[in-house]
C-alpha atoms as a PDB file:
ATOM      1  CA  MET A   1     -16.143-207.399  -3.634  1.00  0.00           C
ATOM      2  CA  LYS A   2     -19.103-208.998  -1.887  1.00  0.00           C
ATOM      3  CA  GLY A   3     -20.425-212.095  -3.618  1.00  0.00           C
ATOM      4  CA  PHE A   4     -17.120-212.908  -5.345  1.00  0.00           C
ATOM      5  CA  GLY A   5     -14.256-215.128  -4.465  1.00  0.00           C
ATOM      6  CA  GLU A   6     -10.613-214.303  -4.585  1.00  0.00           C
ATOM      7  CA  ARG A   7     -10.393-215.035  -8.292  1.00  0.00           C
ATOM      8  CA  GLY A   8     -13.414-213.001  -9.172  1.00  0.00           C
ATOM      9  CA  ARG A   9     -15.773-215.989  -9.511  1.00  0.00           C
ATOM     10  CA  PRO A  10     -19.275-215.829  -7.927  1.00  0.00           C
ATOM     11  CA  LEU A  11     -19.549-217.620  -4.588  1.00  0.00           C
ATOM     12  CA  SER A  12     -22.219-219.837  -6.185  1.00  0.00           C
ATOM     13  CA  TYR A  13     -19.522-221.256  -8.541  1.00  0.00           C
ATOM     14  CA  GLY A  14     -18.282-223.673  -5.879  1.00  0.00           C
ATOM     15  CA  ALA A  15     -21.828-224.642  -4.854  1.00  0.00           C
ATOM     16  CA  GLY A  16     -22.757-225.217  -8.489  1.00  0.00           C
ATOM     17  CA  ARG A  17     -19.732-227.378  -9.009  1.00  0.00           C
ATOM     18  CA  ARG A  18     -20.491-229.507  -5.937  1.00  0.00           C
ATOM     19  CA  ALA A  19     -24.096-229.863  -7.161  1.00  0.00           C
ATOM     20  CA  LEU A  20     -22.930-231.063 -10.491  1.00  0.00           C
ATOM     21  CA  VAL A  21     -20.586-233.587  -8.887  1.00  0.00           C
ATOM     22  CA  ALA A  22     -23.596-234.821  -6.917  1.00  0.00           C
ATOM     23  CA  VAL A  23     -25.636-235.020 -10.067  1.00  0.00           C
ATOM     24  CA  LEU A  24     -22.802-236.927 -11.755  1.00  0.00           C
ATOM     25  CA  ALA A  25     -22.860-239.377  -8.869  1.00  0.00           C
ATOM     26  CA  ILE A  26     -26.611-239.866  -9.236  1.00  0.00           C
ATOM     27  CA  GLY A  27     -26.289-240.516 -12.958  1.00  0.00           C
ATOM     28  CA  ILE A  28     -23.562-243.058 -12.415  1.00  0.00           C
ATOM     29  CA  GLY A  29     -25.690-244.674  -9.687  1.00  0.00           C
ATOM     30  CA  LEU A  30     -28.664-244.969 -12.021  1.00  0.00           C
ATOM     31  CA  ALA A  31     -26.555-246.398 -14.806  1.00  0.00           C
ATOM     32  CA  LEU A  32     -24.979-248.969 -12.539  1.00  0.00           C
ATOM     33  CA  ALA A  33     -28.120-249.983 -10.633  1.00  0.00           C
ATOM     34  CA  PRO A  34     -29.045-252.743 -13.160  1.00  0.00           C
ATOM     35  CA  VAL A  35     -25.569-254.194 -12.729  1.00  0.00           C
ATOM     36  CA  ALA A  36     -25.813-254.131  -8.943  1.00  0.00           C
ATOM     37  CA  PHE A  37     -29.236-255.813  -9.011  1.00  0.00           C
ATOM     38  CA  GLN A  38     -28.191-258.197 -11.844  1.00  0.00           C
ATOM     39  CA  MET A  39     -31.150-256.939 -13.912  1.00  0.00           C
ATOM     40  CA  PHE A  40     -29.483-257.856 -17.228  1.00  0.00           C
ATOM     41  CA  GLU A  41     -29.564-261.490 -16.150  1.00  0.00           C
ATOM     42  CA  ARG A  42     -32.698-261.587 -14.025  1.00  0.00           C
ATOM     43  CA  GLY A  43     -34.870-259.238 -16.223  1.00  0.00           C
ATOM     44  CA  PRO A  44     -35.036-261.629 -19.247  1.00  0.00           C
ATOM     45  CA  LYS A  45     -35.841-264.544 -16.899  1.00  0.00           C
ATOM     46  CA  GLY A  46     -38.700-262.550 -15.471  1.00  0.00           C
ATOM     47  CA  ALA A  47     -39.955-261.719 -18.968  1.00  0.00           C
ATOM     48  CA  GLN A  48     -39.832-265.407 -19.873  1.00  0.00           C
ATOM     49  CA  MET A  49     -41.895-266.317 -16.836  1.00  0.00           C
ATOM     50  CA  MET A  50     -44.502-263.699 -17.581  1.00  0.00           C
ATOM     51  CA  ASP A  51     -44.728-264.890 -21.221  1.00  0.00           C
ATOM     52  CA  GLU A  52     -45.075-268.561 -20.324  1.00  0.00           C
ATOM     53  CA  PHE A  53     -47.624-267.876 -17.589  1.00  0.00           C
ATOM     54  CA  GLU A  54     -49.804-265.723 -19.933  1.00  0.00           C
ATOM     55  CA  PRO A  55     -51.921-268.500 -21.461  1.00  0.00           C
ATOM     56  CA  PHE A  56     -52.987-269.757 -18.093  1.00  0.00           C
ATOM     57  CA  MET A  57     -53.843-266.481 -16.433  1.00  0.00           C
ATOM     58  CA  THR A  58     -57.195-265.655 -18.063  1.00  0.00           C
ATOM     59  CA  ASP A  59     -60.337-265.860 -16.013  1.00  0.00           C
ATOM     60  CA  ALA A  60     -61.812-268.427 -18.447  1.00  0.00           C
ATOM     61  CA  ARG A  61     -58.770-270.685 -18.218  1.00  0.00           C
ATOM     62  CA  LEU A  62     -58.600-270.467 -14.458  1.00  0.00           C
ATOM     63  CA  ASP A  63     -62.350-271.217 -14.114  1.00  0.00           C
ATOM     64  CA  GLY A  64     -61.726-274.232 -16.340  1.00  0.00           C
ATOM     65  CA  PHE A  65     -59.010-275.518 -14.038  1.00  0.00           C
ATOM     66  CA  GLN A  66     -61.277-275.144 -11.044  1.00  0.00           C
ATOM     67  CA  GLY A  67     -63.981-277.005 -12.924  1.00  0.00           C
ATOM     68  CA  HIS A  68     -61.600-279.896 -13.647  1.00  0.00           C
ATOM     69  CA  ILE A  69     -60.783-280.319  -9.993  1.00  0.00           C
ATOM     70  CA  ARG A  70     -64.525-280.222  -9.073  1.00  0.00           C
ATOM     71  CA  SER A  71     -65.113-282.877 -11.775  1.00  0.00           C
ATOM     72  CA  ILE A  72     -62.438-285.153 -10.354  1.00  0.00           C
ATOM     73  CA  ASP A  73     -63.791-284.688  -6.836  1.00  0.00           C
ATOM     74  CA  ALA A  74     -67.364-285.371  -7.843  1.00  0.00           C
ATOM     75  CA  GLY A  75     -66.330-288.612  -9.736  1.00  0.00           C
ATOM     76  CA  VAL A  76     -64.261-289.863  -6.750  1.00  0.00           C
ATOM     77  CA  ARG A  77     -67.105-289.203  -4.295  1.00  0.00           C
ATOM     78  CA  GLU A  78     -69.628-290.978  -6.585  1.00  0.00           C
ATOM     79  CA  ALA A  79     -67.409-293.955  -7.136  1.00  0.00           C
ATOM     80  CA  GLY A  80     -66.686-294.317  -3.442  1.00  0.00           C
ATOM     81  CA  GLY A  81     -70.356-293.802  -2.469  1.00  0.00           C
ATOM     82  CA  PRO A  82     -73.251-294.826  -4.707  1.00  0.00           C
ATOM     83  CA  ILE A  83     -71.167-297.063  -7.058  1.00  0.00           C
ATOM     84  CA  ALA A  84     -69.569-298.875  -4.205  1.00  0.00           C
ATOM     85  CA  VAL A  85     -73.063-299.526  -2.705  1.00  0.00           C
ATOM     86  CA  ALA A  86     -74.362-300.649  -6.087  1.00  0.00           C
ATOM     87  CA  LEU A  87     -71.561-303.135  -6.468  1.00  0.00           C
ATOM     88  CA  GLU A  88     -71.057-304.411  -2.903  1.00  0.00           C
ATOM     89  CA  GLY A  89     -73.882-303.148  -0.769  1.00  0.00           C
ATOM     90  CA  ARG A  90     -73.855-301.111   2.430  1.00  0.00           C
ATOM     91  CA  GLY A  91     -71.926-301.504   5.691  1.00  0.00           C
ATOM     92  CA  ALA A  92     -68.344-301.898   6.806  1.00  0.00           C
ATOM     93  CA  ALA A  93     -67.936-305.404   5.418  1.00  0.00           C
ATOM     94  CA  ALA A  94     -69.296-304.361   2.018  1.00  0.00           C
ATOM     95  CA  ARG A  95     -66.881-301.385   2.027  1.00  0.00           C
ATOM     96  CA  GLU A  96     -63.990-303.708   2.794  1.00  0.00           C
ATOM     97  CA  ARG A  97     -64.997-306.012  -0.054  1.00  0.00           C
ATOM     98  CA  PHE A  98     -65.114-303.055  -2.488  1.00  0.00           C
ATOM     99  CA  GLU A  99     -61.646-301.911  -1.455  1.00  0.00           C
ATOM    100  CA  GLU A 100     -60.219-305.400  -1.757  1.00  0.00           C
ATOM    101  CA  ARG A 101     -61.841-305.710  -5.187  1.00  0.00           C
ATOM    102  CA  PHE A 102     -60.497-302.358  -6.419  1.00  0.00           C
ATOM    103  CA  PRO A 103     -57.292-301.683  -4.482  1.00  0.00           C
ATOM    104  CA  GLY A 104     -55.970-299.130  -6.927  1.00  0.00           C
ATOM    105  CA  PHE A 105     -59.071-296.974  -6.554  1.00  0.00           C
ATOM    106  CA  ALA A 106     -59.200-297.557  -2.776  1.00  0.00           C
ATOM    107  CA  THR A 107     -55.659-296.151  -2.430  1.00  0.00           C
ATOM    108  CA  PHE A 108     -56.571-293.187  -4.635  1.00  0.00           C
ATOM    109  CA  GLY A 109     -59.760-292.607  -2.596  1.00  0.00           C
ATOM    110  CA  ARG A 110     -57.614-292.275   0.557  1.00  0.00           C
ATOM    111  CA  ASP A 111     -55.029-289.999  -1.140  1.00  0.00           C
ATOM    112  CA  TRP A 112     -57.566-287.758  -2.873  1.00  0.00           C
ATOM    113  CA  PRO A 113     -58.755-285.509   0.036  1.00  0.00           C
ATOM    114  CA  PRO A 114     -55.274-283.956   0.735  1.00  0.00           C
ATOM    115  CA  ILE A 115     -54.569-283.759  -3.040  1.00  0.00           C
ATOM    116  CA  HIS A 116     -57.879-282.017  -3.570  1.00  0.00           C
ATOM    117  CA  ALA A 117     -57.146-279.525  -0.777  1.00  0.00           C
ATOM    118  CA  ASP A 118     -53.610-278.832  -2.056  1.00  0.00           C
ATOM    119  CA  MET A 119     -54.607-278.366  -5.678  1.00  0.00           C
ATOM    120  CA  THR A 120     -57.564-276.216  -4.745  1.00  0.00           C
ATOM    121  CA  ASN A 121     -55.305-274.006  -2.706  1.00  0.00           C
ATOM    122  CA  LEU A 122     -52.934-273.787  -5.658  1.00  0.00           C
ATOM    123  CA  LEU A 123     -55.612-272.719  -8.037  1.00  0.00           C
ATOM    124  CA  ASP A 124     -57.239-270.362  -5.530  1.00  0.00           C
ATOM    125  CA  THR A 125     -53.897-268.598  -5.050  1.00  0.00           C
ATOM    126  CA  ILE A 126     -53.240-268.262  -8.746  1.00  0.00           C
ATOM    127  CA  GLN A 127     -56.811-267.068  -9.468  1.00  0.00           C
ATOM    128  CA  ALA A 128     -56.685-264.536  -6.623  1.00  0.00           C
ATOM    129  CA  ASN A 129     -53.566-263.047  -8.209  1.00  0.00           C
ATOM    130  CA  ALA A 130     -54.673-263.089 -11.825  1.00  0.00           C
ATOM    131  CA  GLY A 131     -55.386-259.324 -11.610  1.00  0.00           C
ATOM    132  CA  ASN A 132     -51.990-258.726 -10.015  1.00  0.00           C
ATOM    133  CA  TYR A 133     -50.315-260.700 -12.811  1.00  0.00           C
ATOM    134  CA  ARG A 134     -52.103-258.651 -15.459  1.00  0.00           C
ATOM    135  CA  ALA A 135     -50.955-255.485 -13.714  1.00  0.00           C
ATOM    136  CA  VAL A 136     -47.344-256.529 -13.947  1.00  0.00           C
ATOM    137  CA  ALA A 137     -47.819-257.731 -17.500  1.00  0.00           C
ATOM    138  CA  ALA A 138     -49.071-254.255 -18.440  1.00  0.00           C
ATOM    139  CA  LEU A 139     -45.712-252.722 -17.368  1.00  0.00           C
ATOM    140  CA  PRO A 140     -42.881-252.551 -19.921  1.00  0.00           C
ATOM    141  CA  SER A 141     -41.120-255.904 -20.482  1.00  0.00           C
ATOM    142  CA  PHE A 142     -38.627-256.982 -17.894  1.00  0.00           C
ATOM    143  CA  ARG A 143     -36.114-257.249 -20.763  1.00  0.00           C
ATOM    144  CA  LEU A 144     -36.349-253.454 -21.186  1.00  0.00           C
ATOM    145  CA  PHE A 145     -36.371-252.580 -17.548  1.00  0.00           C
ATOM    146  CA  PRO A 146     -32.557-252.314 -17.103  1.00  0.00           C
ATOM    147  CA  TRP A 147     -32.366-249.765 -19.865  1.00  0.00           C
ATOM    148  CA  PHE A 148     -34.856-247.447 -18.042  1.00  0.00           C
ATOM    149  CA  PHE A 149     -32.053-246.961 -15.517  1.00  0.00           C
ATOM    150  CA  VAL A 150     -29.025-247.108 -17.810  1.00  0.00           C
ATOM    151  CA  ILE A 151     -30.146-244.664 -20.503  1.00  0.00           C
ATOM    152  CA  PRO A 152     -31.217-241.736 -18.248  1.00  0.00           C
ATOM    153  CA  GLY A 153     -28.255-242.410 -15.937  1.00  0.00           C
ATOM    154  CA  VAL A 154     -25.761-242.135 -18.765  1.00  0.00           C
ATOM    155  CA  LEU A 155     -27.469-238.979 -20.085  1.00  0.00           C
ATOM    156  CA  VAL A 156     -27.423-237.362 -16.657  1.00  0.00           C
ATOM    157  CA  ALA A 157     -23.822-238.270 -16.171  1.00  0.00           C
ATOM    158  CA  LEU A 158     -22.739-236.924 -19.561  1.00  0.00           C
ATOM    159  CA  LEU A 159     -24.606-233.639 -19.008  1.00  0.00           C
ATOM    160  CA  ALA A 160     -23.012-233.271 -15.589  1.00  0.00           C
ATOM    161  CA  ILE A 161     -19.557-233.856 -17.022  1.00  0.00           C
ATOM    162  CA  GLY A 162     -20.299-231.406 -19.822  1.00  0.00           C
ATOM    163  CA  ALA A 163     -21.361-228.739 -17.323  1.00  0.00           C
ATOM    164  CA  LEU A 164     -18.247-229.343 -15.215  1.00  0.00           C
ATOM    165  CA  LEU A 165     -15.920-228.983 -18.180  1.00  0.00           C
ATOM    166  CA  ALA A 166     -17.747-226.031 -19.757  1.00  0.00           C
ATOM    167  CA  PRO A 167     -18.884-223.608 -17.038  1.00  0.00           C
ATOM    168  CA  ARG A 168     -20.295-221.202 -19.515  1.00  0.00           C
ATOM    169  CA  ALA A 169     -22.690-223.852 -20.808  1.00  0.00           C
ATOM    170  CA  ARG A 170     -24.059-224.577 -17.369  1.00  0.00           C
ATOM    171  CA  PRO A 171     -27.257-222.500 -17.606  1.00  0.00           C
ATOM    172  CA  SER A 172     -28.409-224.430 -20.643  1.00  0.00           C
ATOM    173  CA  ILE A 173     -27.272-227.782 -19.333  1.00  0.00           C
ATOM    174  CA  ARG A 174     -28.938-227.133 -16.003  1.00  0.00           C
ATOM    175  CA  TRP A 175     -32.346-226.967 -17.708  1.00  0.00           C
ATOM    176  CA  LEU A 176     -31.648-230.086 -19.665  1.00  0.00           C
ATOM    177  CA  LEU A 177     -30.945-231.803 -16.292  1.00  0.00           C
ATOM    178  CA  VAL A 178     -34.154-230.410 -14.918  1.00  0.00           C
ATOM    179  CA  ALA A 179     -36.040-231.866 -17.906  1.00  0.00           C
ATOM    180  CA  LEU A 180     -34.434-235.273 -17.358  1.00  0.00           C
ATOM    181  CA  GLY A 181     -35.130-235.137 -13.639  1.00  0.00           C
ATOM    182  CA  ILE A 182     -38.827-234.348 -14.304  1.00  0.00           C
ATOM    183  CA  GLY A 183     -38.922-237.161 -16.838  1.00  0.00           C
ATOM    184  CA  LEU A 184     -37.666-239.604 -14.139  1.00  0.00           C
ATOM    185  CA  VAL A 185     -40.256-238.378 -11.736  1.00  0.00           C
ATOM    186  CA  LEU A 186     -43.119-238.707 -14.244  1.00  0.00           C
ATOM    187  CA  ALA A 187     -42.067-242.131 -15.649  1.00  0.00           C
ATOM    188  CA  PRO A 188     -43.750-244.145 -12.832  1.00  0.00           C
ATOM    189  CA  VAL A 189     -46.871-242.103 -13.310  1.00  0.00           C
ATOM    190  CA  ALA A 190     -46.962-242.660 -17.077  1.00  0.00           C
ATOM    191  CA  PHE A 191     -46.506-246.424 -16.539  1.00  0.00           C
ATOM    192  CA  GLN A 192     -48.961-246.477 -13.561  1.00  0.00           C
ATOM    193  CA  MET A 193     -46.207-248.022 -11.441  1.00  0.00           C
ATOM    194  CA  PHE A 194     -47.557-246.738  -8.161  1.00  0.00           C
ATOM    195  CA  ASP A 195     -50.650-248.897  -8.772  1.00  0.00           C
ATOM    196  CA  ARG A 196     -49.128-251.845 -10.681  1.00  0.00           C
ATOM    197  CA  ALA A 197     -45.831-252.366  -8.876  1.00  0.00           C
ATOM    198  CA  PRO A 198     -47.459-253.068  -5.425  1.00  0.00           C
ATOM    199  CA  LYS A 199     -49.760-255.544  -7.105  1.00  0.00           C
ATOM    200  CA  GLY A 200     -46.757-257.293  -8.555  1.00  0.00           C
ATOM    201  CA  ALA A 201     -45.213-257.424  -5.050  1.00  0.00           C
ATOM    202  CA  ARG A 202     -48.386-259.048  -3.739  1.00  0.00           C
ATOM    203  CA  MET A 203     -48.275-261.632  -6.513  1.00  0.00           C
ATOM    204  CA  MET A 204     -44.606-262.470  -5.857  1.00  0.00           C
ATOM    205  CA  ASP A 205     -45.366-262.880  -2.132  1.00  0.00           C
ATOM    206  CA  ALA A 206     -48.369-265.095  -2.806  1.00  0.00           C
ATOM    207  CA  PHE A 207     -46.503-267.328  -5.232  1.00  0.00           C
ATOM    208  CA  ALA A 208     -43.671-267.921  -2.749  1.00  0.00           C
ATOM    209  CA  THR A 209     -45.626-270.900  -1.359  1.00  0.00           C
ATOM    210  CA  ILE A 210     -46.515-272.457  -4.648  1.00  0.00           C
ATOM    211  CA  GLN A 211     -43.700-271.599  -7.086  1.00  0.00           C
ATOM    212  CA  THR A 212     -41.079-273.819  -5.499  1.00  0.00           C
ATOM    213  CA  ARG A 213     -39.286-276.879  -6.809  1.00  0.00           C
ATOM    214  CA  GLU A 214     -40.693-279.063  -3.982  1.00  0.00           C
ATOM    215  CA  GLN A 215     -44.266-277.907  -4.526  1.00  0.00           C
ATOM    216  CA  VAL A 216     -44.141-278.320  -8.276  1.00  0.00           C
ATOM    217  CA  GLU A 217     -42.750-281.868  -7.954  1.00  0.00           C
ATOM    218  CA  THR A 218     -45.506-282.649  -5.457  1.00  0.00           C
ATOM    219  CA  MET A 219     -48.089-281.460  -7.991  1.00  0.00           C
ATOM    220  CA  GLN A 220     -46.557-283.615 -10.718  1.00  0.00           C
ATOM    221  CA  GLY A 221     -46.745-286.576  -8.332  1.00  0.00           C
ATOM    222  CA  TYR A 222     -50.406-285.797  -7.749  1.00  0.00           C
ATOM    223  CA  PHE A 223     -51.093-286.256 -11.479  1.00  0.00           C
ATOM    224  CA  ALA A 224     -49.520-289.710 -11.451  1.00  0.00           C
ATOM    225  CA  THR A 225     -51.799-290.631  -8.480  1.00  0.00           C
ATOM    226  CA  ILE A 226     -54.901-289.218 -10.146  1.00  0.00           C
ATOM    227  CA  ALA A 227     -54.060-291.078 -13.351  1.00  0.00           C
ATOM    228  CA  VAL A 228     -53.892-294.371 -11.482  1.00  0.00           C
ATOM    229  CA  GLY A 229     -57.225-293.686  -9.736  1.00  0.00           C
ATOM    230  CA  GLN A 230     -58.941-292.671 -12.968  1.00  0.00           C
ATOM    231  CA  GLY A 231     -57.549-295.716 -14.696  1.00  0.00           C
ATOM    232  CA  SER A 232     -58.981-298.002 -12.079  1.00  0.00           C
ATOM    233  CA  LEU A 233     -62.287-296.173 -12.360  1.00  0.00           C
ATOM    234  CA  ARG A 234     -62.391-296.521 -16.180  1.00  0.00           C
ATOM    235  CA  LEU A 235     -60.856-299.975 -16.597  1.00  0.00           C
ATOM    236  CA  GLU A 236     -62.116-301.821 -13.482  1.00  0.00           C
ATOM    237  CA  ILE A 237     -65.099-300.135 -11.815  1.00  0.00           C
ATOM    238  CA  VAL A 238     -67.086-299.181 -14.964  1.00  0.00           C
ATOM    239  CA  PRO A 239     -66.616-302.711 -16.483  1.00  0.00           C
ATOM    240  CA  ALA A 240     -67.769-304.176 -13.195  1.00  0.00           C
ATOM    241  CA  LEU A 241     -70.979-302.074 -13.430  1.00  0.00           C
ATOM    242  CA  GLU A 242     -71.475-303.350 -17.001  1.00  0.00           C
ATOM    243  CA  ARG A 243     -71.006-306.948 -15.818  1.00  0.00           C
ATOM    244  CA  SER A 244     -73.667-306.347 -13.192  1.00  0.00           C
ATOM    245  CA  GLY A 245     -76.172-305.764 -16.026  1.00  0.00           C
ATOM    246  CA  LEU A 246     -76.045-301.989 -16.521  1.00  0.00           C
ATOM    247  CA  SER A 247     -75.675-300.570 -20.057  1.00  0.00           C
ATOM    248  CA  ALA A 248     -73.458-297.641 -20.886  1.00  0.00           C
ATOM    249  CA  SER A 249     -76.467-295.350 -21.058  1.00  0.00           C
ATOM    250  CA  GLU A 250     -77.776-296.586 -17.735  1.00  0.00           C
ATOM    251  CA  ILE A 251     -74.350-296.004 -16.109  1.00  0.00           C
ATOM    252  CA  ALA A 252     -74.246-292.523 -17.535  1.00  0.00           C
ATOM    253  CA  THR A 253     -77.717-291.752 -16.163  1.00  0.00           C
ATOM    254  CA  ARG A 254     -77.238-293.280 -12.715  1.00  0.00           C
ATOM    255  CA  PHE A 255     -73.705-292.092 -12.199  1.00  0.00           C
ATOM    256  CA  PRO A 256     -73.235-288.898 -14.244  1.00  0.00           C
ATOM    257  CA  ASP A 257     -70.179-287.667 -12.346  1.00  0.00           C
ATOM    258  CA  VAL A 258     -68.136-290.756 -13.159  1.00  0.00           C
ATOM    259  CA  ASP A 259     -69.315-290.602 -16.722  1.00  0.00           C
ATOM    260  CA  THR A 260     -68.342-286.958 -16.981  1.00  0.00           C
ATOM    261  CA  LEU A 261     -64.873-287.637 -15.424  1.00  0.00           C
ATOM    262  CA  ASN A 262     -64.135-290.477 -17.733  1.00  0.00           C
ATOM    263  CA  GLY A 263     -65.380-288.678 -20.821  1.00  0.00           C
ATOM    264  CA  GLY A 264     -63.429-285.518 -20.038  1.00  0.00           C
ATOM    265  CA  TRP A 265     -60.300-287.082 -18.674  1.00  0.00           C
ATOM    266  CA  ILE A 266     -58.123-286.475 -21.712  1.00  0.00           C
ATOM    267  CA  GLU A 267     -59.219-282.864 -21.769  1.00  0.00           C
ATOM    268  CA  ILE A 268     -58.455-282.525 -18.059  1.00  0.00           C
ATOM    269  CA  LEU A 269     -55.038-284.016 -18.542  1.00  0.00           C
ATOM    270  CA  ASN A 270     -54.223-281.918 -21.603  1.00  0.00           C
ATOM    271  CA  ASP A 271     -55.358-278.713 -19.797  1.00  0.00           C
ATOM    272  CA  LEU A 272     -53.808-279.079 -16.385  1.00  0.00           C
ATOM    273  CA  THR A 273     -50.475-280.739 -17.430  1.00  0.00           C
ATOM    274  CA  PRO A 274     -49.121-277.733 -19.416  1.00  0.00           C
ATOM    275  CA  MET A 275     -49.903-275.453 -16.482  1.00  0.00           C
ATOM    276  CA  ILE A 276     -47.870-277.571 -14.056  1.00  0.00           C
ATOM    277  CA  GLY A 277     -45.217-277.843 -16.729  1.00  0.00           C
ATOM    278  CA  ALA A 278     -45.019-274.045 -16.995  1.00  0.00           C
ATOM    279  CA  MET A 279     -44.716-273.772 -13.242  1.00  0.00           C
ATOM    280  CA  SER A 280     -41.909-276.339 -13.278  1.00  0.00           C
ATOM    281  CA  ASP A 281     -40.060-274.649 -16.063  1.00  0.00           C
ATOM    282  CA  ASN A 282     -40.193-271.263 -14.294  1.00  0.00           C
ATOM    283  CA  VAL A 283     -39.096-272.040 -10.767  1.00  0.00           C
ATOM    284  CA  ASP A 284     -35.608-270.645 -11.443  1.00  0.00           C
ATOM    285  CA  ASN A 285     -37.143-267.658 -13.310  1.00  0.00           C
ATOM    286  CA  TYR A 286     -39.414-266.932 -10.355  1.00  0.00           C
ATOM    287  CA  GLU A 287     -36.418-266.999  -8.024  1.00  0.00           C
ATOM    288  CA  ALA A 288     -34.548-264.616 -10.255  1.00  0.00           C
ATOM    289  CA  ILE A 289     -37.368-262.081 -10.033  1.00  0.00           C
ATOM    290  CA  LYS A 290     -37.799-262.628  -6.342  1.00  0.00           C
ATOM    291  CA  SER A 291     -34.126-261.709  -5.891  1.00  0.00           C
ATOM    292  CA  LEU A 292     -34.722-258.251  -7.294  1.00  0.00           C
ATOM    293  CA  PRO A 293     -35.687-255.397  -4.902  1.00  0.00           C
ATOM    294  CA  PRO A 294     -39.387-255.515  -3.937  1.00  0.00           C
ATOM    295  CA  PHE A 295     -41.643-254.355  -6.737  1.00  0.00           C
ATOM    296  CA  GLY A 296     -43.204-251.734  -4.532  1.00  0.00           C
ATOM    297  CA  LEU A 297     -39.947-249.848  -4.297  1.00  0.00           C
ATOM    298  CA  PHE A 298     -39.337-249.546  -8.070  1.00  0.00           C
ATOM    299  CA  PRO A 299     -41.330-246.361  -8.598  1.00  0.00           C
ATOM    300  CA  TRP A 300     -39.202-244.628  -5.989  1.00  0.00           C
ATOM    301  CA  PHE A 301     -35.992-245.692  -7.790  1.00  0.00           C
ATOM    302  CA  PHE A 302     -37.098-243.194 -10.406  1.00  0.00           C
ATOM    303  CA  VAL A 303     -38.819-240.536  -8.352  1.00  0.00           C
ATOM    304  CA  VAL A 304     -36.153-239.984  -5.709  1.00  0.00           C
ATOM    305  CA  PRO A 305     -33.213-239.606  -8.135  1.00  0.00           C
ATOM    306  CA  GLY A 306     -35.429-237.418 -10.366  1.00  0.00           C
ATOM    307  CA  LEU A 307     -36.300-235.015  -7.530  1.00  0.00           C
ATOM    308  CA  LEU A 308     -32.687-234.877  -6.422  1.00  0.00           C
ATOM    309  CA  ILE A 309     -31.480-234.062  -9.947  1.00  0.00           C
ATOM    310  CA  VAL A 310     -34.095-231.277 -10.290  1.00  0.00           C
ATOM    311  CA  ALA A 311     -33.177-229.808  -6.892  1.00  0.00           C
ATOM    312  CA  LEU A 312     -29.473-229.941  -7.472  1.00  0.00           C
ATOM    313  CA  ALA A 313     -29.824-228.429 -10.983  1.00  0.00           C
ATOM    314  CA  VAL A 314     -32.071-225.527  -9.833  1.00  0.00           C
ATOM    315  CA  LEU A 315     -30.940-224.529  -6.398  1.00  0.00           C
ATOM    316  CA  PRO A 316     -27.411-223.441  -7.217  1.00  0.00           C
ATOM    317  CA  GLY A 317     -28.757-221.040  -9.876  1.00  0.00           C
ATOM    318  CA  ARG A 318     -31.241-219.658  -7.410  1.00  0.00           C
ATOM    319  CA  ARG A 319     -28.591-219.260  -4.781  1.00  0.00           C
ATOM    320  CA  GLY A 320     -26.263-217.575  -7.286  1.00  0.00           C
ATOM    321  CA  ALA A 321     -28.798-214.893  -8.082  1.00  0.00           C
ATOM    322  CA  ARG A 322     -28.283-213.015  -4.868  1.00  0.00           C
ATOM    323  CA  PRO A 323     -24.511-212.812  -4.951  1.00  0.00           C
ATOM    324  CA  ALA A 324     -24.750-211.724  -8.591  1.00  0.00           C
ATOM    325  CA  ALA A 325     -27.216-208.946  -7.642  1.00  0.00           C
ATOM    326  CA  HIS A 326     -24.946-207.894  -4.813  1.00  0.00           C
ATOM    327  CA  ALA A 327     -22.032-207.830  -7.094  1.00  0.00           C
ATOM    328  CA  ALA A 328     -23.840-205.667  -9.585  1.00  0.00           C
ATOM    329  CA  ALA A 329     -24.895-203.271  -6.833  1.00  0.00           C
ATOM    330  CA  ALA A 330     -21.299-203.095  -5.479  1.00  0.00           C
ATOM    331  CA  GLY A 331     -20.016-202.488  -8.933  1.00  0.00           C
ATOM    332  CA  SER A 332     -22.500-199.684  -9.371  1.00  0.00           C
ATOM    333  CA  LEU A 333     -21.579-198.107  -6.090  1.00  0.00           C
ATOM    334  CA  THR A 334     -17.925-198.308  -6.929  1.00  0.00           C
ATOM    335  CA  THR A 335     -18.452-196.710 -10.244  1.00  0.00           C
ATOM    336  CA  SER A 336     -20.493-193.893  -8.712  1.00  0.00           C
ATOM    337  CA  GLY A 337     -17.877-193.307  -6.055  1.00  0.00           C
ATOM    338  CA  THR A 338     -15.115-193.163  -8.614  1.00  0.00           C
ATOM    339  CA  ALA A 339     -17.124-190.704 -10.665  1.00  0.00           C
ATOM    340  CA  ARG A 340     -17.684-188.408  -7.679  1.00  0.00           C
ATOM    341  CA  GLN A 341     -14.029-188.510  -6.756  1.00  0.00           C
ATOM    342  CA  GLY A 342     -13.092-187.594 -10.280  1.00  0.00           C
ATOM    343  CA  GLY A 343     -15.543-184.673 -10.297  1.00  0.00           C
ATOM    344  CA  ALA A 344     -14.165-183.445  -6.987  1.00  0.00           C
ATOM    345  CA  SER A 345     -10.645-183.392  -8.251  1.00  0.00           C
END
């Protein structure tokens, strides 16, 4: 009969079985994706980095960091300019005497411009990506991310196996698969992944130049250099001004930038040091996240399998409707013909 195979099964039976095998493969692929991408190892490292960066990624804190660098720069410029003139006078010879008198500060004065440029670039990069960081932080934790693949993957695989082993249950199971597929498609929408994931990708790309072991160690070295320069400023240059006859209040009035730097140095140190420490502690964690597929692709890791599952679950049923209809019509014609033959006899 048309629409049936040699054993009386609808022609859609084979197509439906092949579709279920494909769905089973998709489910297994989803469940194993975190293993292939080492998400169970890398995900917690990413979560740790996000947690440890959180205190430093507010606009107020980042503005404060920028203010600290401006304060250091203003103090260095004032010490190397008006204060040097006040202590030794103007001209090349006077400048030479100032540097011989305060060699620690002189060295720091020469080192500061590239340090200033490098640290400003660091802070500008971080501040430009604060919004991108917050977008990633708004996603579910990296610790949970592997399970968003494993759980639906296992469910899809189990349903596909159930449908393969129990053909009569396939209609019901097919709609469960459709529901799971739709859930996968909608998950990136619910978590705003199409907006947030590309922002995370931009943050990871931007941090590639600053979140390295070499760069972090360079920054730590800068703090040692700045500390030496500030120590010379506080312990040598300011006392020299006092010996020249200026009181503490007169120094603060005439040289406010140096006074501000010295007065705020402990705060600057206590504020900037933990940030560089967090960067140092998370170099390996950053590398772990960087080794994952690009963030911008993650929404599609849900959408594409979801669409395929829906299509594979629905299409065999739609294709099976025509053979079934043809079979019913053929059966009706056969019955009618048999009835006519019986009446004729």
